[in-house]
Amino acid sequence: MPHTRSPKFRSSQQPGTLVVTHTTAVGVLAGAVVKRGLKGEPAEVRFASARTLKAVLEEARQDGIGHIYVLGHRLYERAGEVLHCIRELLEFGVRVTWLGAPDFPDPSWPDLRKIVDLHVPSHAKNLVHAAAIHFKALKDGYVKQLWEGPLGEARADTTGAIAHDLAAAMVDRYWQYDDRKAAHDALETIAAATPYPAEMLKAVAVFRRYGPTHLTGKSEAVREVRRRIGLLKDHPNARVIIHGETGTGKEIAARLIHMGSPRAEQPFLAENCATLRGELLLSHLFGHEKGAFTGADRTREGLFEHAHGGTLFLDEIGELDLTAQAFLLRVLQEGKLRHVGGYQDIEVDVRVIAATHRDLRELVSDGSFREDLYYRLSALTLIMPPLRERPEDIPFVAGELLWDLWVELNPARKGRRPTLSPKARLILQGYDWPGNTRELQNVLTQALVENRLNGMGELLEERRRDRWTLPPAPAVQRPLEAEAPPAAGGPAERKLGDSDERFCTGEAPLDEVVGEYLLWLYRRHGTKSAVQRIAAVSQGRVERRLAPLLKL
């Protein structure tokens, strides 16, 4: 995050104190504990990443700062330049205190210890706890709740849990809407232990409802997307269409537009229009009456009714058939719908956000998408850039995904947190990522499970080779023919979907489609390990899916 500065507080005669922390929930809470530990001494707070830390320290020297607290930064390849800057600060008589915690180690600590006051309490549970230990605030009940909050053990209604979620929510606002002031306001409020304003309490409620939701990255491309989302969220009834390749974060963008709007405390529902066809899709979106079609044994509300007051996200909108498009157009025009098989108008208040990876104008030209619906949906547009157009963001995206995967695979968080070396980050930046973030997540999962974080180059080379031999993914609406004819005299190879005409109409359940696809891969490649690798699914799932099919 580009560093942010709080208002100046000091006179030119008296050197001040500067607290430099990082833009995370733990960073905000640790900064609040340091502010309390200073016991009213005027102190400015600035947020900085490892990338911007040197610039912040240089500004501190120019501003006449007398004492700097640096909280938990990990330097990696920035260590040399930061250490040089600190030595210059010391020559000017600036005191530097560096706080760290064992759960977030930094290889540069031995070098730092030689020139600064480095404090890494061995029994500190996190950086907030380390700050409390340094300022001898362990008997402060309020501070105790602050460092217990990030441990995830406190009840949701406790001070520590609320403070942690407030810090996390306000940090997320930077990554969501490029709001550079929110985290600083949260830090000051938590440090002062004053009642939280209504806006902050609402932010906590929204955060708890949706969890951390943001677009990771610092490139100009992703910052422009954040600024655009910041504008779109303030118009709760305006329809938006999001363009972007698979894996670029279209649903995340839609969720952010909803979360920042007055509709945030109402439902957000998402549906992929490519997964269903015919009456099933109409029923799913608009509901149906009892007896409307075979199997309709009761009246059922659709997604539009369930999303009343909130937002409905329709992904792959270009896959809607013309009948569903006519139903959707009426809802957008009149705010009313009718159940399939029904005659009564039902009013709904739903913001529709659509997304597609296709050019809808071409679909309009060839008659497969209604022109009037296109103009109804595309009042406002948002374009999501692919990873290959923002390679500078890949290390940040990869680092966040790696942390999430590690927590998922290791809930107890035992052992050292895995990290990417500078070489591995460069290798990731050099790959073109046709599957964008989803492909990156698959690669990191494989690297983590197979302990190949240091063999990233070889792993990506394997994927490049597989890309040329990978069969096209089966379209839900049509069967996929086998490439090779059956051997002479042998049994005909089973084709994907030839056992059920529903595979031709798109009405087959998704579980069956997945099973048929895995079977097709097994027939083509001959081993279950190849199926597991190409389909990027677990060994257990391959076994469970194939076992009944191989008996047929």
Protein backbone atom coordinates (compact mmCIF):
# COMPACT_ATOMS: atom_id res chain seq x y z
CA MET A 1 0.00 0.00 0.00
CA PRO A 2 1.37 3.44 -0.79
CA HIS A 3 2.15 4.98 2.55
CA THR A 4 -0.37 7.28 4.17
CA ARG A 5 0.26 10.04 6.66
CA SER A 6 -1.78 11.41 9.51
CA PRO A 7 -1.95 15.17 10.09
CA LYS A 8 1.18 16.88 11.44
CA PHE A 9 1.12 17.38 15.19
CA ARG A 10 4.46 18.67 16.38
CA SER A 11 6.18 22.01 16.66
CA SER A 12 9.48 22.70 14.95
CA GLN A 13 11.24 22.90 18.35
CA GLN A 14 10.41 19.40 19.61
CA PRO A 15 11.18 16.17 17.69
CA GLY A 16 8.14 13.93 17.49
CA THR A 17 7.48 10.21 17.52
CA LEU A 18 6.45 8.22 14.45
CA VAL A 19 4.74 4.84 14.43
CA VAL A 20 5.12 2.96 11.13
CA THR A 21 2.86 -0.06 10.78
CA HIS A 22 1.55 -2.19 7.92
CA THR A 23 -1.87 -2.36 6.38
CA THR A 24 -3.30 -5.45 8.05
CA ALA A 25 -5.71 -5.95 10.93
CA VAL A 26 -2.81 -6.99 13.16
CA GLY A 27 -0.87 -3.92 12.02
CA VAL A 28 -3.75 -1.64 12.98
CA LEU A 29 -4.17 -3.26 16.40
CA ALA A 30 -0.44 -3.22 17.10
CA GLY A 31 -0.33 0.46 16.17
CA ALA A 32 -3.21 1.13 18.56
CA VAL A 33 -1.35 -0.62 21.41
CA VAL A 34 1.79 1.44 20.71
CA LYS A 35 -0.26 4.65 20.73
CA ARG A 36 -1.72 3.69 24.11
CA GLY A 37 1.73 2.71 25.38
CA LEU A 38 3.05 6.18 24.59
CA LYS A 39 0.56 7.47 27.21
CA GLY A 40 -0.57 10.61 25.48
CA GLU A 41 2.78 11.50 23.91
CA PRO A 42 2.05 13.05 20.50
CA ALA A 43 2.70 10.44 17.85
CA GLU A 44 2.04 10.33 14.13
CA VAL A 45 1.03 7.08 12.47
CA ARG A 46 1.91 6.13 8.91
CA PHE A 47 1.15 2.97 7.01
CA ALA A 48 3.80 1.46 4.76
CA SER A 49 4.64 -1.76 2.97
CA ALA A 50 8.15 -3.18 2.65
CA ARG A 51 8.25 -1.49 -0.74
CA THR A 52 7.44 1.98 0.61
CA LEU A 53 9.16 1.72 4.00
CA LYS A 54 12.38 3.35 2.81
CA ALA A 55 10.49 6.38 1.51
CA VAL A 56 8.61 6.74 4.81
CA LEU A 57 11.86 6.60 6.81
CA GLU A 58 13.48 9.20 4.56
CA GLU A 59 10.49 11.52 5.04
CA ALA A 60 10.76 11.03 8.79
CA ARG A 61 14.34 12.29 8.74
CA GLN A 62 13.32 15.35 6.72
CA ASP A 63 10.40 16.02 9.09
CA GLY A 64 12.65 16.02 12.15
CA ILE A 65 11.26 12.90 13.80
CA GLY A 66 13.14 11.92 16.96
CA HIS A 67 11.94 8.35 17.57
CA ILE A 68 10.51 5.81 15.11
CA TYR A 69 8.67 2.61 15.97
CA VAL A 70 8.56 0.10 13.08
CA LEU A 71 6.01 -2.66 13.59
CA GLY A 72 6.48 -6.11 12.11
CA HIS A 73 7.68 -5.36 8.59
CA ARG A 74 9.37 -8.18 6.66
CA LEU A 75 12.03 -6.81 4.35
CA TYR A 76 13.28 -9.66 2.12
CA GLU A 77 15.00 -8.17 -0.93
CA ARG A 78 14.37 -4.65 0.44
CA ALA A 79 16.60 -5.30 3.44
CA GLY A 80 19.71 -3.66 1.97
CA GLU A 81 18.11 -0.33 1.11
CA VAL A 82 16.15 -0.14 4.39
CA LEU A 83 19.22 -0.93 6.51
CA HIS A 84 21.20 1.75 4.69
CA CYS A 85 18.42 4.27 5.32
CA ILE A 86 18.30 3.37 9.03
CA ARG A 87 22.05 3.92 9.35
CA GLU A 88 21.58 7.41 7.93
CA LEU A 89 18.81 8.06 10.44
CA LEU A 90 21.07 7.02 13.29
CA GLU A 91 23.72 9.46 12.08
CA PHE A 92 21.12 12.21 12.43
CA GLY A 93 20.37 11.12 15.99
CA VAL A 94 17.05 9.44 15.25
CA ARG A 95 16.23 6.50 17.51
CA VAL A 96 14.68 3.44 15.84
CA THR A 97 12.76 0.74 17.73
CA TRP A 98 11.74 -2.34 15.74
CA LEU A 99 9.04 -4.67 17.07
CA GLY A 100 8.50 -8.19 15.73
CA ALA A 101 6.82 -11.45 16.70
CA PRO A 102 7.89 -15.09 16.37
CA ASP A 103 4.84 -15.99 14.24
CA PHE A 104 6.02 -13.60 11.52
CA PRO A 105 9.82 -14.01 11.32
CA ASP A 106 12.11 -11.92 9.14
CA PRO A 107 15.51 -13.13 7.84
CA SER A 108 16.88 -9.60 8.29
CA TRP A 109 16.51 -9.61 12.10
CA PRO A 110 20.19 -10.48 12.77
CA ASP A 111 21.33 -7.48 10.73
CA LEU A 112 18.69 -5.22 12.27
CA ARG A 113 19.71 -6.24 15.77
CA LYS A 114 23.17 -4.76 15.16
CA ILE A 115 21.89 -1.23 14.53
CA VAL A 116 18.39 -0.77 16.07
CA ASP A 117 16.51 -1.60 19.27
CA LEU A 118 15.02 -4.89 18.06
CA HIS A 119 12.39 -6.45 20.32
CA VAL A 120 11.01 -9.90 19.45
CA PRO A 121 9.60 -11.41 22.67
CA SER A 122 9.95 -15.18 22.36
CA HIS A 123 6.60 -15.83 24.06
CA ALA A 124 4.62 -13.25 22.07
CA LYS A 125 1.58 -14.81 20.39
CA ASN A 126 1.39 -12.12 17.70
CA LEU A 127 2.62 -8.61 16.95
CA VAL A 128 -0.13 -7.01 19.07
CA HIS A 129 0.99 -9.11 22.03
CA ALA A 130 4.64 -8.16 21.35
CA ALA A 131 3.70 -4.46 21.50
CA ALA A 132 1.86 -5.03 24.78
CA ILE A 133 4.91 -6.80 26.23
CA HIS A 134 7.25 -4.02 25.11
CA PHE A 135 5.12 -1.33 26.76
CA LYS A 136 4.49 -3.45 29.88
CA ALA A 137 0.75 -3.32 29.25
CA LEU A 138 -0.09 -6.96 29.93
CA LYS A 139 -2.19 -5.99 32.98
CA ASP A 140 -4.26 -3.58 30.90
CA GLY A 141 -7.52 -5.49 30.37
CA TYR A 142 -8.40 -3.54 27.24
CA VAL A 143 -5.00 -4.21 25.65
CA LYS A 144 -5.29 -7.89 26.58
CA GLN A 145 -8.52 -8.12 24.60
CA LEU A 146 -6.84 -6.44 21.63
CA TRP A 147 -4.08 -9.02 21.35
CA GLU A 148 -6.48 -11.89 21.99
CA GLY A 149 -8.78 -10.72 19.16
CA PRO A 150 -6.55 -11.91 16.27
CA LEU A 151 -6.22 -15.36 17.86
CA GLY A 152 -9.83 -16.08 16.91
CA GLU A 153 -10.67 -17.45 20.35
CA ALA A 154 -12.78 -14.57 21.66
CA ARG A 155 -16.57 -14.47 21.41
CA ALA A 156 -17.95 -12.27 18.64
CA ASP A 157 -19.47 -9.80 21.11
CA THR A 158 -16.25 -9.14 23.05
CA THR A 159 -14.24 -5.94 22.75
CA GLY A 160 -11.25 -7.76 21.25
CA ALA A 161 -13.27 -9.54 18.57
CA ILE A 162 -15.11 -6.36 17.58
CA ALA A 163 -11.86 -4.36 17.48
CA HIS A 164 -10.19 -7.01 15.31
CA ASP A 165 -13.10 -7.13 12.88
CA LEU A 166 -13.23 -3.33 12.75
CA ALA A 167 -9.51 -3.23 11.93
CA ALA A 168 -9.92 -5.92 9.27
CA ALA A 169 -12.97 -4.20 7.76
CA MET A 170 -11.27 -0.82 7.56
CA VAL A 171 -8.09 -2.33 6.08
CA ASP A 172 -10.27 -4.06 3.50
CA ARG A 173 -11.70 -0.69 2.49
CA TYR A 174 -8.33 0.30 1.06
CA TRP A 175 -8.17 -2.83 -1.07
CA GLN A 176 -11.87 -2.48 -1.94
CA TYR A 177 -12.27 1.18 -2.80
CA ASP A 178 -8.78 2.70 -2.55
CA ASP A 179 -9.85 4.36 0.74
CA ARG A 180 -6.56 5.43 2.34
CA LYS A 181 -8.08 7.00 5.44
CA ALA A 182 -10.22 4.20 6.85
CA ALA A 183 -7.45 2.11 8.46
CA HIS A 184 -5.94 5.18 10.13
CA ASP A 185 -9.33 6.23 11.53
CA ALA A 186 -9.85 2.72 12.91
CA LEU A 187 -6.42 2.73 14.58
CA GLU A 188 -7.04 6.06 16.29
CA THR A 189 -10.52 5.01 17.43
CA ILE A 190 -9.30 1.70 18.85
CA ALA A 191 -6.34 3.35 20.58
CA ALA A 192 -8.63 5.91 22.24
CA ALA A 193 -11.08 3.15 23.34
CA THR A 194 -13.99 5.44 22.44
CA PRO A 195 -17.40 4.19 21.26
CA TYR A 196 -17.37 3.25 17.58
CA PRO A 197 -19.32 5.51 15.21
CA ALA A 198 -22.38 4.01 13.49
CA GLU A 199 -20.55 3.86 10.16
CA MET A 200 -17.79 1.71 11.69
CA LEU A 201 -20.29 -0.61 13.36
CA LYS A 202 -22.03 -1.06 10.01
CA ALA A 203 -18.66 -1.88 8.44
CA VAL A 204 -18.11 -4.56 11.09
CA ALA A 205 -21.55 -6.05 10.38
CA VAL A 206 -20.90 -6.14 6.62
CA PHE A 207 -17.44 -7.62 7.16
CA ARG A 208 -18.85 -10.37 9.36
CA ARG A 209 -21.51 -11.14 6.78
CA TYR A 210 -19.19 -11.43 3.79
CA GLY A 211 -15.70 -11.88 5.25
CA PRO A 212 -12.54 -10.41 3.71
CA THR A 213 -13.46 -9.41 0.16
CA HIS A 214 -11.13 -7.35 -1.99
CA LEU A 215 -9.10 -7.17 -5.17
CA THR A 216 -5.44 -7.73 -4.35
CA GLY A 217 -2.79 -5.70 -6.12
CA LYS A 218 -1.08 -2.34 -6.34
CA SER A 219 -0.90 -1.82 -10.10
CA GLU A 220 -2.52 1.16 -11.73
CA ALA A 221 -4.88 -1.22 -13.57
CA VAL A 222 -6.33 -2.72 -10.40
CA ARG A 223 -6.41 0.64 -8.63
CA GLU A 224 -8.49 1.99 -11.51
CA VAL A 225 -10.90 -0.93 -11.04
CA ARG A 226 -11.16 -0.06 -7.33
CA ARG A 227 -11.85 3.58 -8.12
CA ARG A 228 -14.51 2.53 -10.62
CA ILE A 229 -16.13 0.21 -8.05
CA GLY A 230 -16.09 3.10 -5.58
CA LEU A 231 -18.21 5.11 -8.01
CA LEU A 232 -20.58 2.27 -8.92
CA LYS A 233 -21.36 1.34 -5.32
CA ASP A 234 -22.87 4.73 -4.61
CA HIS A 235 -25.68 4.15 -7.14
CA PRO A 236 -27.65 1.24 -5.66
CA ASN A 237 -30.15 0.93 -8.52
CA ALA A 238 -27.83 1.34 -11.49
CA ARG A 239 -27.25 -1.85 -13.47
CA VAL A 240 -23.69 -2.86 -14.21
CA ILE A 241 -22.15 -5.33 -16.62
CA ILE A 242 -18.67 -6.66 -15.86
CA HIS A 243 -16.40 -7.84 -18.67
CA GLY A 244 -13.43 -10.09 -18.07
CA GLU A 245 -11.79 -13.44 -18.67
CA THR A 246 -12.37 -16.44 -16.43
CA GLY A 247 -10.63 -16.02 -13.09
CA THR A 248 -10.23 -12.24 -13.19
CA GLY A 249 -12.49 -11.63 -10.18
CA LYS A 250 -15.81 -10.64 -11.74
CA GLU A 251 -17.89 -12.02 -8.87
CA ILE A 252 -15.62 -10.36 -6.30
CA ALA A 253 -16.10 -7.03 -8.09
CA ALA A 254 -19.88 -7.51 -8.07
CA ARG A 255 -19.81 -8.36 -4.38
CA LEU A 256 -17.76 -5.22 -3.64
CA ILE A 257 -20.23 -3.04 -5.50
CA HIS A 258 -23.00 -4.56 -3.37
CA MET A 259 -21.06 -4.37 -0.07
CA GLY A 260 -20.39 -0.66 -0.46
CA SER A 261 -23.97 0.23 -1.38
CA PRO A 262 -27.03 0.93 0.78
CA ARG A 263 -28.13 -2.62 -0.11
CA ALA A 264 -25.14 -4.13 1.75
CA GLU A 265 -27.17 -5.59 4.62
CA GLN A 266 -29.59 -7.27 2.21
CA PRO A 267 -28.92 -10.52 0.27
CA PHE A 268 -26.25 -10.92 -2.39
CA LEU A 269 -26.93 -13.96 -4.56
CA ALA A 270 -24.92 -15.23 -7.52
CA GLU A 271 -25.84 -17.57 -10.36
CA ASN A 272 -23.88 -18.85 -13.35
CA CYS A 273 -26.24 -18.77 -16.31
CA ALA A 274 -24.26 -21.45 -18.15
CA THR A 275 -25.04 -24.21 -15.63
CA LEU A 276 -28.78 -24.61 -16.32
CA ARG A 277 -31.04 -24.60 -19.35
CA GLY A 278 -34.71 -24.48 -20.22
CA GLU A 279 -37.41 -24.69 -17.56
CA LEU A 280 -34.87 -25.48 -14.86
CA LEU A 281 -33.16 -22.12 -15.40
CA LEU A 282 -36.47 -20.24 -15.54
CA SER A 283 -37.60 -21.93 -12.34
CA HIS A 284 -34.29 -21.25 -10.62
CA LEU A 285 -34.34 -17.54 -11.45
CA PHE A 286 -38.04 -16.69 -11.47
CA GLY A 287 -39.71 -19.47 -9.47
CA HIS A 288 -42.52 -21.82 -10.49
CA GLU A 289 -46.02 -22.84 -9.53
CA LYS A 290 -46.99 -26.33 -8.44
CA GLY A 291 -47.60 -28.49 -11.50
CA ALA A 292 -45.88 -26.08 -13.91
CA PHE A 293 -43.81 -28.97 -15.30
CA THR A 294 -42.94 -32.56 -14.51
CA GLY A 295 -41.45 -32.73 -11.02
CA ALA A 296 -42.84 -29.36 -9.86
CA ASP A 297 -44.57 -30.81 -6.80
CA ARG A 298 -44.80 -27.50 -4.96
CA THR A 299 -44.63 -23.75 -5.54
CA ARG A 300 -41.07 -22.46 -5.36
CA GLU A 301 -39.65 -18.95 -5.16
CA GLY A 302 -36.80 -18.05 -7.49
CA LEU A 303 -33.56 -16.18 -6.92
CA PHE A 304 -35.10 -12.82 -7.76
CA GLU A 305 -37.54 -13.17 -4.85
CA HIS A 306 -34.82 -14.41 -2.49
CA ALA A 307 -32.63 -11.43 -3.48
CA HIS A 308 -35.41 -8.89 -2.87
CA GLY A 309 -33.89 -5.66 -1.54
CA GLY A 310 -30.39 -6.80 -2.43
CA THR A 311 -28.32 -7.73 -5.47
CA LEU A 312 -28.43 -10.62 -7.94
CA PHE A 313 -25.21 -11.36 -9.82
CA LEU A 314 -25.74 -13.17 -13.14
CA ASP A 315 -22.44 -14.56 -14.42
CA GLU A 316 -22.03 -15.64 -18.05
CA ILE A 317 -25.12 -13.66 -19.02
CA GLY A 318 -24.35 -14.35 -22.69
CA GLU A 319 -25.32 -18.00 -22.18
CA LEU A 320 -28.98 -17.21 -21.45
CA ASP A 321 -31.37 -18.58 -24.06
CA LEU A 322 -33.85 -16.22 -25.70
CA THR A 323 -36.78 -17.36 -23.53
CA ALA A 324 -34.89 -16.59 -20.32
CA GLN A 325 -33.80 -13.27 -21.82
CA ALA A 326 -37.47 -12.30 -22.34
CA PHE A 327 -38.28 -13.13 -18.71
CA LEU A 328 -35.27 -11.12 -17.50
CA LEU A 329 -36.11 -8.13 -19.69
CA ARG A 330 -39.58 -7.86 -18.15
CA VAL A 331 -38.15 -7.87 -14.63
CA LEU A 332 -35.68 -5.13 -15.53
CA GLN A 333 -38.31 -3.00 -17.26
CA GLU A 334 -41.20 -3.34 -14.83
CA GLY A 335 -39.72 -4.67 -11.58
CA LYS A 336 -42.22 -7.54 -11.78
CA LEU A 337 -42.06 -11.25 -12.56
CA ARG A 338 -44.33 -14.23 -12.96
CA HIS A 339 -43.55 -17.73 -11.79
CA VAL A 340 -43.25 -20.37 -14.50
CA GLY A 341 -46.82 -21.62 -14.88
CA GLY A 342 -48.20 -18.68 -12.93
CA TYR A 343 -50.40 -15.69 -13.76
CA GLN A 344 -49.86 -13.36 -10.79
CA ASP A 345 -47.39 -10.46 -11.03
CA ILE A 346 -44.87 -10.36 -8.17
CA GLU A 347 -43.00 -7.13 -7.48
CA VAL A 348 -39.28 -7.38 -6.76
CA ASP A 349 -36.65 -4.77 -5.92
CA VAL A 350 -33.34 -6.26 -7.05
CA ARG A 351 -30.18 -4.71 -8.42
CA VAL A 352 -28.89 -6.85 -11.29
CA ILE A 353 -25.16 -7.03 -11.97
CA ALA A 354 -24.24 -9.15 -14.98
CA ALA A 355 -20.90 -10.48 -16.16
CA THR A 356 -19.54 -12.11 -19.29
CA HIS A 357 -16.29 -13.13 -20.95
CA ARG A 358 -17.92 -12.81 -24.38
CA ASP A 359 -18.57 -9.79 -26.60
CA LEU A 360 -22.31 -9.23 -26.23
CA ARG A 361 -22.36 -6.95 -29.24
CA GLU A 362 -21.35 -9.88 -31.44
CA LEU A 363 -24.09 -11.98 -29.87
CA VAL A 364 -26.58 -9.20 -30.63
CA SER A 365 -25.37 -9.12 -34.23
CA ASP A 366 -25.85 -12.87 -34.73
CA GLY A 367 -29.31 -12.82 -33.10
CA SER A 368 -28.49 -14.89 -30.02
CA PHE A 369 -28.81 -11.98 -27.58
CA ARG A 370 -31.60 -9.41 -27.47
CA GLU A 371 -30.54 -5.89 -28.31
CA ASP A 372 -33.06 -4.32 -25.92
CA LEU A 373 -31.76 -6.49 -23.07
CA TYR A 374 -28.19 -5.57 -23.93
CA TYR A 375 -28.94 -1.87 -23.50
CA ARG A 376 -30.89 -2.52 -20.30
CA LEU A 377 -27.94 -4.33 -18.75
CA SER A 378 -25.03 -2.22 -19.96
CA ALA A 379 -25.86 1.19 -18.53
CA LEU A 380 -22.52 1.05 -16.67
CA THR A 381 -19.55 -1.18 -17.44
CA LEU A 382 -16.54 -2.46 -15.55
CA ILE A 383 -13.59 -4.18 -17.23
CA MET A 384 -11.48 -6.62 -15.19
CA PRO A 385 -7.83 -6.80 -16.33
CA PRO A 386 -6.22 -10.27 -16.64
CA LEU A 387 -3.14 -11.14 -14.58
CA ARG A 388 -0.83 -10.98 -17.60
CA GLU A 389 -1.63 -7.26 -17.94
CA ARG A 390 -0.66 -6.56 -14.31
CA PRO A 391 2.35 -8.80 -13.57
CA GLU A 392 3.48 -6.50 -10.76
CA ASP A 393 0.42 -7.69 -8.79
CA ILE A 394 1.19 -11.40 -9.10
CA PRO A 395 3.49 -11.61 -6.02
CA PHE A 396 0.81 -9.97 -3.85
CA VAL A 397 -1.98 -12.18 -5.21
CA ALA A 398 0.19 -15.29 -4.85
CA GLY A 399 1.19 -14.41 -1.28
CA GLU A 400 -2.42 -13.96 -0.21
CA LEU A 401 -3.55 -17.16 -1.92
CA LEU A 402 -0.66 -19.08 -0.37
CA TRP A 403 -1.64 -17.93 3.12
CA ASP A 404 -5.29 -18.90 2.55
CA LEU A 405 -4.31 -22.31 1.20
CA TRP A 406 -1.94 -22.96 4.10
CA VAL A 407 -4.64 -22.13 6.64
CA GLU A 408 -7.12 -24.34 4.76
CA LEU A 409 -4.70 -27.30 4.63
CA ASN A 410 -3.27 -26.67 8.10
CA PRO A 411 -6.09 -25.31 10.33
CA ALA A 412 -3.94 -25.59 13.44
CA ARG A 413 -1.29 -23.42 11.71
CA LYS A 414 1.48 -25.68 12.97
CA GLY A 415 4.98 -25.13 11.65
CA ARG A 416 6.42 -22.19 9.79
CA ARG A 417 4.24 -20.23 7.43
CA PRO A 418 5.24 -20.99 3.81
CA THR A 419 6.58 -18.10 1.75
CA LEU A 420 7.66 -17.51 -1.83
CA SER A 421 11.29 -16.71 -2.47
CA PRO A 422 12.20 -13.70 -4.64
CA LYS A 423 13.15 -16.16 -7.41
CA ALA A 424 9.78 -17.92 -7.20
CA ARG A 425 7.93 -14.61 -7.38
CA LEU A 426 9.87 -13.65 -10.52
CA ILE A 427 9.05 -17.01 -12.10
CA LEU A 428 5.36 -16.52 -11.38
CA GLN A 429 5.50 -13.06 -12.94
CA GLY A 430 6.98 -14.53 -16.12
CA TYR A 431 4.06 -16.90 -16.76
CA ASP A 432 1.08 -15.75 -18.85
CA TRP A 433 -1.69 -17.27 -16.64
CA PRO A 434 -4.43 -18.01 -19.18
CA GLY A 435 -6.63 -19.15 -16.27
CA ASN A 436 -5.78 -16.05 -14.23
CA THR A 437 -6.26 -16.29 -10.46
CA ARG A 438 -7.94 -19.69 -10.58
CA GLU A 439 -4.96 -21.19 -12.37
CA LEU A 440 -2.58 -19.47 -9.96
CA GLN A 441 -4.50 -20.97 -7.04
CA ASN A 442 -4.24 -24.45 -8.59
CA VAL A 443 -0.49 -24.05 -9.10
CA LEU A 444 0.07 -22.91 -5.52
CA THR A 445 -2.08 -25.74 -4.17
CA GLN A 446 -0.03 -28.27 -6.10
CA ALA A 447 3.24 -26.65 -5.02
CA LEU A 448 2.16 -26.59 -1.37
CA VAL A 449 0.87 -30.16 -1.26
CA GLU A 450 3.85 -31.56 -3.19
CA ASN A 451 6.36 -29.37 -1.32
CA ARG A 452 7.53 -27.74 -4.56
CA LEU A 453 7.50 -24.05 -3.67
CA ASN A 454 11.21 -23.99 -4.53
CA GLY A 455 10.59 -25.80 -7.83
CA MET A 456 8.15 -23.33 -9.32
CA GLY A 457 9.92 -23.13 -12.68
CA GLU A 458 9.68 -26.87 -13.28
CA LEU A 459 6.06 -26.94 -12.16
CA LEU A 460 5.05 -24.17 -14.57
CA GLU A 461 6.94 -25.84 -17.40
CA GLU A 462 4.84 -28.96 -16.79
CA ARG A 463 1.71 -26.85 -17.10
CA ARG A 464 2.94 -25.34 -20.37
CA ARG A 465 3.39 -28.84 -21.79
CA ASP A 466 -0.02 -29.94 -20.52
CA ARG A 467 -1.64 -26.91 -22.11
CA TRP A 468 -0.88 -28.26 -25.57
CA THR A 469 -2.24 -31.73 -24.78
CA LEU A 470 -5.18 -30.71 -22.59
CA PRO A 471 -8.53 -31.57 -24.23
CA PRO A 472 -11.09 -28.78 -24.46
CA ALA A 473 -13.41 -28.64 -21.47
CA PRO A 474 -16.78 -30.19 -22.34
CA ALA A 475 -19.53 -27.66 -22.98
CA VAL A 476 -22.53 -28.39 -20.81
CA GLN A 477 -24.95 -28.07 -23.71
CA ARG A 478 -23.41 -30.68 -26.01
CA PRO A 479 -21.58 -34.00 -25.73
CA LEU A 480 -17.87 -34.17 -26.31
CA GLU A 481 -16.86 -36.70 -28.93
CA ALA A 482 -13.85 -38.93 -28.39
CA GLU A 483 -10.93 -38.00 -30.60
CA ALA A 484 -9.77 -41.52 -31.48
CA PRO A 485 -12.05 -44.18 -33.00
CA PRO A 486 -12.40 -47.46 -31.09
CA ALA A 487 -9.99 -50.24 -31.88
CA ALA A 488 -11.12 -52.60 -34.60
CA GLY A 489 -13.24 -55.37 -33.15
CA GLY A 490 -13.24 -53.80 -29.72
CA PRO A 491 -16.11 -52.24 -27.79
CA ALA A 492 -17.00 -48.69 -28.75
CA GLU A 493 -15.56 -46.10 -26.38
CA ARG A 494 -18.20 -44.45 -24.27
CA LYS A 495 -18.75 -40.85 -25.36
CA LEU A 496 -19.36 -38.09 -22.89
CA GLY A 497 -23.08 -37.80 -22.36
CA ASP A 498 -24.22 -40.51 -24.79
CA SER A 499 -26.01 -42.32 -21.94
CA ASP A 500 -28.51 -39.54 -21.37
CA GLU A 501 -30.01 -37.00 -23.79
CA ARG A 502 -30.03 -34.43 -20.94
CA PHE A 503 -26.33 -33.88 -21.67
CA CYS A 504 -27.36 -32.56 -25.07
CA THR A 505 -29.91 -30.14 -23.64
CA GLY A 506 -27.85 -28.96 -20.69
CA GLU A 507 -30.38 -30.29 -18.17
CA ALA A 508 -28.07 -32.93 -16.69
CA PRO A 509 -27.08 -32.24 -13.05
CA LEU A 510 -23.63 -30.75 -12.68
CA ASP A 511 -22.42 -33.74 -10.60
CA GLU A 512 -23.16 -36.07 -13.51
CA VAL A 513 -21.38 -33.79 -15.97
CA VAL A 514 -18.29 -33.75 -13.74
CA GLY A 515 -18.35 -37.53 -13.39
CA GLU A 516 -18.63 -38.04 -17.14
CA TYR A 517 -15.79 -35.61 -17.78
CA LEU A 518 -13.48 -37.40 -15.32
CA LEU A 519 -14.36 -40.73 -16.95
CA TRP A 520 -13.58 -39.28 -20.38
CA LEU A 521 -10.20 -38.10 -19.13
CA TYR A 522 -9.50 -41.54 -17.67
CA ARG A 523 -10.38 -43.26 -20.97
CA ARG A 524 -8.15 -40.85 -22.85
CA HIS A 525 -5.08 -40.76 -20.58
CA GLY A 526 -5.26 -44.17 -18.95
CA THR A 527 -4.39 -43.34 -15.32
CA LYS A 528 -6.18 -41.80 -12.38
CA SER A 529 -3.12 -39.69 -11.54
CA ALA A 530 -3.38 -38.03 -14.96
CA VAL A 531 -7.07 -37.31 -14.33
CA GLN A 532 -6.21 -35.81 -10.95
CA ARG A 533 -3.49 -33.59 -12.42
CA ILE A 534 -5.37 -32.37 -15.52
CA ALA A 535 -8.72 -31.79 -13.79
CA ALA A 536 -7.01 -30.26 -10.71
CA VAL A 537 -9.10 -32.29 -8.26
CA SER A 538 -8.12 -34.42 -5.28
CA GLN A 539 -7.27 -38.11 -5.46
CA GLY A 540 -10.21 -38.95 -3.19
CA ARG A 541 -12.65 -37.12 -5.45
CA VAL A 542 -11.33 -38.93 -8.54
CA GLU A 543 -11.75 -42.27 -6.77
CA ARG A 544 -15.28 -41.48 -5.61
CA ARG A 545 -16.41 -40.24 -9.02
CA LEU A 546 -14.86 -43.00 -11.12
CA ALA A 547 -15.61 -46.02 -8.92
CA PRO A 548 -19.31 -46.35 -9.87
CA LEU A 549 -18.75 -45.33 -13.50
CA LEU A 550 -16.01 -47.89 -14.15
CA LYS A 551 -18.41 -50.66 -13.12
CA LEU A 552 -20.80 -49.81 -15.97
